[in-house]
Protein backbone atom coordinates (compact mmCIF):
# COMPACT_ATOMS: atom_id res chain seq x y z
CA MET A 1 -182.91 23.47 172.85
CA GLN A 2 -181.23 26.08 170.65
CA ALA A 3 -179.61 28.34 173.35
CA PHE A 4 -176.64 27.81 175.56
CA SER A 5 -177.57 26.51 178.86
CA GLU A 6 -174.89 26.82 181.51
CA PRO A 7 -175.02 24.16 184.24
CA ALA A 8 -176.04 25.35 187.72
CA GLY A 9 -172.50 24.56 188.86
CA GLY A 10 -170.92 27.28 186.83
CA PRO A 11 -168.86 27.10 183.63
CA CYS A 12 -168.74 23.72 182.06
CA LEU A 13 -165.35 21.98 181.83
CA TRP A 14 -164.73 18.61 180.01
CA SER A 15 -161.28 16.72 180.14
CA LEU A 16 -160.46 13.84 178.14
CA ASP A 17 -157.63 11.16 178.68
CA THR A 18 -156.26 10.40 175.42
CA THR A 19 -153.47 7.88 176.25
CA ALA A 20 -155.58 5.06 175.08
CA MET A 21 -156.85 6.93 171.83
CA THR A 22 -156.87 4.59 168.75
CA ARG A 23 -156.26 5.55 165.17
CA GLU A 24 -159.95 4.37 164.51
CA GLN A 25 -161.30 6.69 167.13
CA GLU A 26 -159.31 9.65 165.67
CA THR A 27 -160.78 8.92 162.21
CA ARG A 28 -164.27 8.98 163.70
CA TRP A 29 -163.60 12.22 165.72
CA ARG A 30 -162.45 14.10 162.49
CA VAL A 31 -166.01 13.79 161.11
CA PRO A 32 -167.58 16.67 162.75
CA LEU A 33 -164.41 18.95 162.33
CA ASP A 34 -164.22 21.49 159.57
CA ALA A 35 -161.56 22.00 156.92
CA GLU A 36 -159.73 24.54 159.05
CA GLU A 37 -159.57 22.54 162.30
CA CYS A 38 -158.31 19.58 160.38
CA ARG A 39 -155.60 21.63 158.45
CA ALA A 40 -154.42 23.13 161.90
CA ALA A 41 -153.99 19.58 163.14
CA ASP A 42 -152.31 18.24 160.09
CA ARG A 43 -149.75 21.00 160.24
CA LEU A 44 -148.29 19.76 163.56
CA LEU A 45 -145.14 17.59 163.02
CA ARG A 46 -145.68 14.81 165.46
CA SER A 47 -148.33 12.34 165.00
CA ALA A 48 -149.17 12.54 168.66
CA HIS A 49 -149.67 16.17 168.63
CA ARG A 50 -151.91 15.75 165.59
CA SER A 51 -154.17 13.40 167.46
CA GLU A 52 -154.33 15.34 170.52
CA ALA A 53 -155.48 18.40 168.27
CA ILE A 54 -158.20 16.46 166.66
CA ALA A 55 -159.33 15.27 170.06
CA ALA A 56 -159.64 18.56 171.49
CA HIS A 57 -161.41 20.12 168.78
CA ALA A 58 -163.88 17.28 168.90
CA LEU A 59 -164.25 17.64 172.58
CA ARG A 60 -164.91 21.48 172.09
CA ARG A 61 -167.68 20.72 169.65
CA ALA A 62 -169.23 17.86 171.76
CA LEU A 63 -169.26 20.04 174.96
CA LEU A 64 -171.15 22.83 173.05
CA SER A 65 -173.52 20.41 171.49
CA SER A 66 -174.42 18.90 174.83
CA LEU A 67 -175.13 22.21 176.42
CA THR A 68 -177.36 23.36 173.34
CA GLY A 69 -178.57 20.33 171.49
CA ILE A 70 -177.05 21.69 168.26
CA PRO A 71 -175.40 18.99 166.25
CA PRO A 72 -171.54 18.94 166.67
CA HIS A 73 -170.73 19.58 162.92
CA ALA A 74 -172.78 22.72 162.97
CA TRP A 75 -170.54 24.93 164.90
CA ARG A 76 -168.36 27.50 163.24
CA PHE A 77 -165.46 29.31 164.82
CA THR A 78 -163.51 32.50 164.15
CA ARG A 79 -160.32 33.91 165.54
CA GLU A 80 -159.65 37.57 166.46
CA PRO A 81 -156.72 38.77 164.40
CA PRO A 82 -153.86 38.44 164.32
CA LEU A 83 -153.35 35.45 166.86
CA GLY A 84 -156.37 36.07 169.02
CA LYS A 85 -158.84 33.71 171.04
CA PRO A 86 -160.97 31.43 168.94
CA ARG A 87 -164.59 32.29 169.32
CA VAL A 88 -168.06 30.81 168.30
CA ALA A 89 -169.06 32.50 165.06
CA ALA A 90 -172.26 30.44 164.42
CA PRO A 91 -174.93 29.21 164.81
CA LEU A 92 -175.97 30.97 168.04
CA ALA A 93 -176.74 34.61 168.11
CA ALA A 94 -175.54 34.83 171.73
CA PRO A 95 -172.76 32.13 171.91
CA PRO A 96 -170.78 31.13 174.84
CA ASP A 97 -167.15 31.92 175.57
CA VAL A 98 -165.15 28.79 174.86
CA ASN A 99 -161.61 27.70 175.10
CA LEU A 100 -159.47 24.50 174.54
CA THR A 101 -156.20 22.92 175.33
CA HIS A 102 -154.09 19.78 174.41
CA THR A 103 -151.03 18.33 175.80
CA GLY A 104 -149.43 14.92 175.95
CA GLY A 105 -152.12 12.41 176.91
CA LEU A 106 -154.76 15.07 177.83
CA VAL A 107 -157.18 17.51 176.14
CA ALA A 108 -159.78 19.70 177.67
CA ALA A 109 -162.35 22.31 176.66
CA VAL A 110 -164.37 24.89 178.93
CA ALA A 111 -167.47 26.96 177.91
CA SER A 112 -169.28 29.76 179.78
CA GLY A 113 -172.35 31.90 179.00
CA ASP A 114 -171.43 34.35 181.56
CA ALA A 115 -167.84 35.18 181.51
CA PRO A 116 -164.68 35.03 179.48
CA VAL A 117 -162.82 31.54 180.22
CA GLY A 118 -159.51 30.02 179.51
CA VAL A 119 -157.98 26.60 180.09
CA ASP A 120 -154.52 25.14 179.91
CA ALA A 121 -152.91 21.80 180.85
CA GLU A 122 -149.49 20.32 181.03
CA ALA A 123 -148.04 16.83 181.57
CA LEU A 124 -145.97 16.64 184.87
CA ASP A 125 -143.19 14.54 183.27
CA ARG A 126 -141.74 17.45 181.79
CA GLN A 127 -138.39 18.63 182.81
CA ALA A 128 -137.86 21.86 184.82
CA PRO A 129 -137.12 24.71 182.48
CA GLU A 130 -133.88 26.64 182.37
CA GLU A 131 -133.64 29.33 185.02
CA SER A 132 -133.66 32.11 182.30
CA LEU A 133 -137.16 30.92 181.43
CA MET A 134 -138.15 31.06 184.95
CA ILE A 135 -136.87 34.66 185.40
CA GLU A 136 -138.78 35.62 182.32
CA VAL A 137 -142.19 34.25 183.25
CA LEU A 138 -142.29 34.34 186.97
CA THR A 139 -142.41 37.13 189.48
CA PRO A 140 -139.78 37.24 192.24
CA ALA A 141 -142.38 36.26 194.69
CA GLU A 142 -143.54 33.33 192.62
CA ARG A 143 -139.79 32.09 191.99
CA ALA A 144 -139.32 32.25 195.87
CA THR A 145 -142.02 29.70 196.51
CA LEU A 146 -140.25 26.99 194.23
CA PRO A 147 -138.38 24.11 195.81
CA GLY A 148 -135.03 23.16 195.18
CA PRO A 149 -133.86 21.33 191.88
CA GLY A 150 -135.69 18.25 190.96
CA ALA A 151 -139.09 16.78 190.07
CA SER A 152 -140.94 18.91 192.76
CA ARG A 153 -139.60 22.07 191.38
CA ALA A 154 -140.58 21.14 187.84
CA ARG A 155 -144.10 20.30 189.23
CA ALA A 156 -144.51 23.52 190.99
CA PHE A 157 -143.32 25.55 187.97
CA LEU A 158 -145.87 23.82 185.72
CA ARG A 159 -148.70 24.73 188.31
CA LEU A 160 -147.73 28.35 188.06
CA TRP A 161 -147.21 28.04 184.14
CA VAL A 162 -150.74 26.52 183.37
CA ALA A 163 -152.46 29.09 185.56
CA LYS A 164 -150.76 31.95 183.88
CA GLU A 165 -151.61 30.53 180.47
CA ALA A 166 -155.20 29.90 181.45
CA VAL A 167 -155.56 33.71 182.66
CA ALA A 168 -153.95 34.93 179.49
CA LYS A 169 -156.27 32.89 177.34
CA ALA A 170 -159.43 33.91 179.36
CA LEU A 171 -158.43 37.54 178.85
CA GLY A 172 -157.81 37.01 175.00
CA LEU A 173 -154.22 38.39 175.33
CA GLY A 174 -152.16 35.43 173.73
CA LEU A 175 -148.61 36.34 174.13
CA SER A 176 -149.15 40.20 173.82
CA ARG A 177 -148.38 40.48 177.61
CA PRO A 178 -145.38 39.20 179.39
CA LEU A 179 -146.52 36.33 181.69
CA ALA A 180 -144.40 37.87 184.60
CA GLY A 181 -147.20 40.57 184.54
CA LEU A 182 -149.38 37.91 185.98
CA GLU A 183 -148.87 36.81 189.50
CA ILE A 184 -150.46 33.62 190.98
CA LEU A 185 -151.35 33.85 194.63
CA ASP A 186 -151.52 30.36 196.22
CA ALA A 187 -153.99 30.32 199.11
CA PRO A 188 -156.69 30.58 197.89
CA PRO A 189 -155.54 30.39 194.23
CA ALA A 190 -155.98 33.90 192.75
CA VAL A 191 -154.42 36.38 190.28
CA ARG A 192 -152.81 39.74 190.67
CA LEU A 193 -151.99 42.03 187.68
CA HIS A 194 -148.96 44.10 188.24
CA PRO A 195 -148.87 46.92 187.13
CA PRO A 196 -152.65 47.11 186.75
CA TRP A 197 -153.58 46.46 183.19
CA PRO A 198 -155.76 48.99 181.45
CA HIS A 199 -159.06 47.75 180.28
CA VAL A 200 -158.54 44.44 181.95
CA GLU A 201 -161.11 43.17 184.68
CA PRO A 202 -159.10 42.72 187.84
CA ALA A 203 -161.52 40.11 189.26
CA ILE A 204 -160.22 36.67 187.94
CA GLY A 205 -161.17 33.34 189.55
CA LEU A 206 -158.90 30.40 189.21
CA ARG A 207 -159.20 26.53 189.52
CA LEU A 208 -156.24 24.06 189.82
CA LEU A 209 -157.11 20.62 188.97
CA ARG A 210 -155.33 17.05 188.64
CA PRO A 211 -157.54 15.42 186.00
CA THR A 212 -155.14 12.38 186.04
CA PRO A 213 -152.14 11.72 188.22
CA ALA A 214 -149.89 12.59 185.20
CA HIS A 215 -151.40 16.04 184.57
CA VAL A 216 -152.04 19.55 186.05
CA LEU A 217 -154.84 21.74 184.60
CA ALA A 218 -155.99 25.31 185.20
CA VAL A 219 -159.27 27.07 184.43
CA ALA A 220 -159.54 30.87 184.67
CA MET A 221 -162.74 32.97 184.72
CA VAL A 222 -162.76 36.61 184.29
CA GLY A 223 -165.17 38.49 186.52
CA ALA A 224 -165.34 35.77 189.03
CA ALA A 225 -164.92 36.33 192.79
CA PRO A 226 -161.20 35.72 193.86
CA GLY A 227 -160.64 32.39 195.19
CA VAL A 228 -162.07 28.94 193.96
CA PRO A 229 -165.03 29.58 191.67
CA ALA A 230 -167.79 26.85 190.91
CA LEU A 231 -167.06 24.67 187.92
CA ALA A 232 -169.01 21.82 186.51
CA TRP A 233 -166.36 19.27 185.46
CA ARG A 234 -166.77 16.14 183.63
CA HIS A 235 -163.61 13.82 182.97
CA LEU A 236 -163.91 11.20 180.09
CA ASP A 237 -161.57 8.41 178.79
CA ALA A 238 -161.42 7.82 175.06
CA THR A 239 -163.89 4.87 174.99
CA ALA A 240 -166.51 6.92 176.85
CA PHE A 241 -166.04 9.92 174.67
CA ASP A 242 -166.07 7.84 171.49
CA ARG A 243 -169.44 6.29 172.58
CA MET A 244 -170.84 9.75 173.32
CA LEU A 245 -169.68 11.41 170.15
CA CYS A 246 -170.30 8.55 167.80
CA GLY A 247 -172.79 6.12 169.43
CA GLY A 248 -175.25 7.44 166.97
CA ARG A 249 -173.61 8.03 163.64
CA GLU A 250 -176.46 10.26 162.52
CA ARG A 251 -175.46 12.73 165.32
CA VAL A 252 -171.98 13.43 163.97
CA ALA A 253 -172.21 12.87 160.31
CA LYS A 254 -172.38 15.91 158.13
CA PRO A 255 -175.02 16.39 155.54
CA GLY A 256 -174.15 14.17 152.45
CA GLN A 257 -172.13 11.53 154.54
CA SER A 258 -173.05 8.27 155.12
């Protein structure tokens, strides 16, 4: 199999709980990564962030390999300048759209052969941000839905935050557009662009998920019907992923490595 095969359930999402990830696993998961992926992870200041970045890049490669049969080390990626969305550069002539995210204790990757996709996740133990940030990134209607001060307010904000980030990543916009230009509608989850953005597909599907009790995750799909689009989702722990990626050493070792 040397072509991308999307599951019947729609775009494919893998999430990975990294809370029990070991140093030995991190070392093994580095094996299929390229030099730029390793450098990007090593530039992060905190060791936990470096470990999560390694896990996210390894998960992205394993996800793509599971859908194509291409070895994890064979994938090459490029990034649209200056800080655009990373994309598959090789070895497929018609590569899927792919995106990843990592936060404390969780990483995720999503791939689709039919439409641009984006994923974002956050740990729910984060404090609520200052009101000035809420005003900057939320619309008045979104702010009106937030409960009063406390943990529930922080969780409600994070649900909106990850949804907006996932949409921005799916559209390949990075931080080039203010997040307040994206309004998240609650029932069913949907996205409104206001004012309408030129050259942007208005139909965006959105899924909000709880991969663990401590995390919230959002997946956005451009061109999907509004509402809750189909998604093929697999959640893994570190042991299961390590077995999948490294159970047969020959599947992840690069040429010339033993």
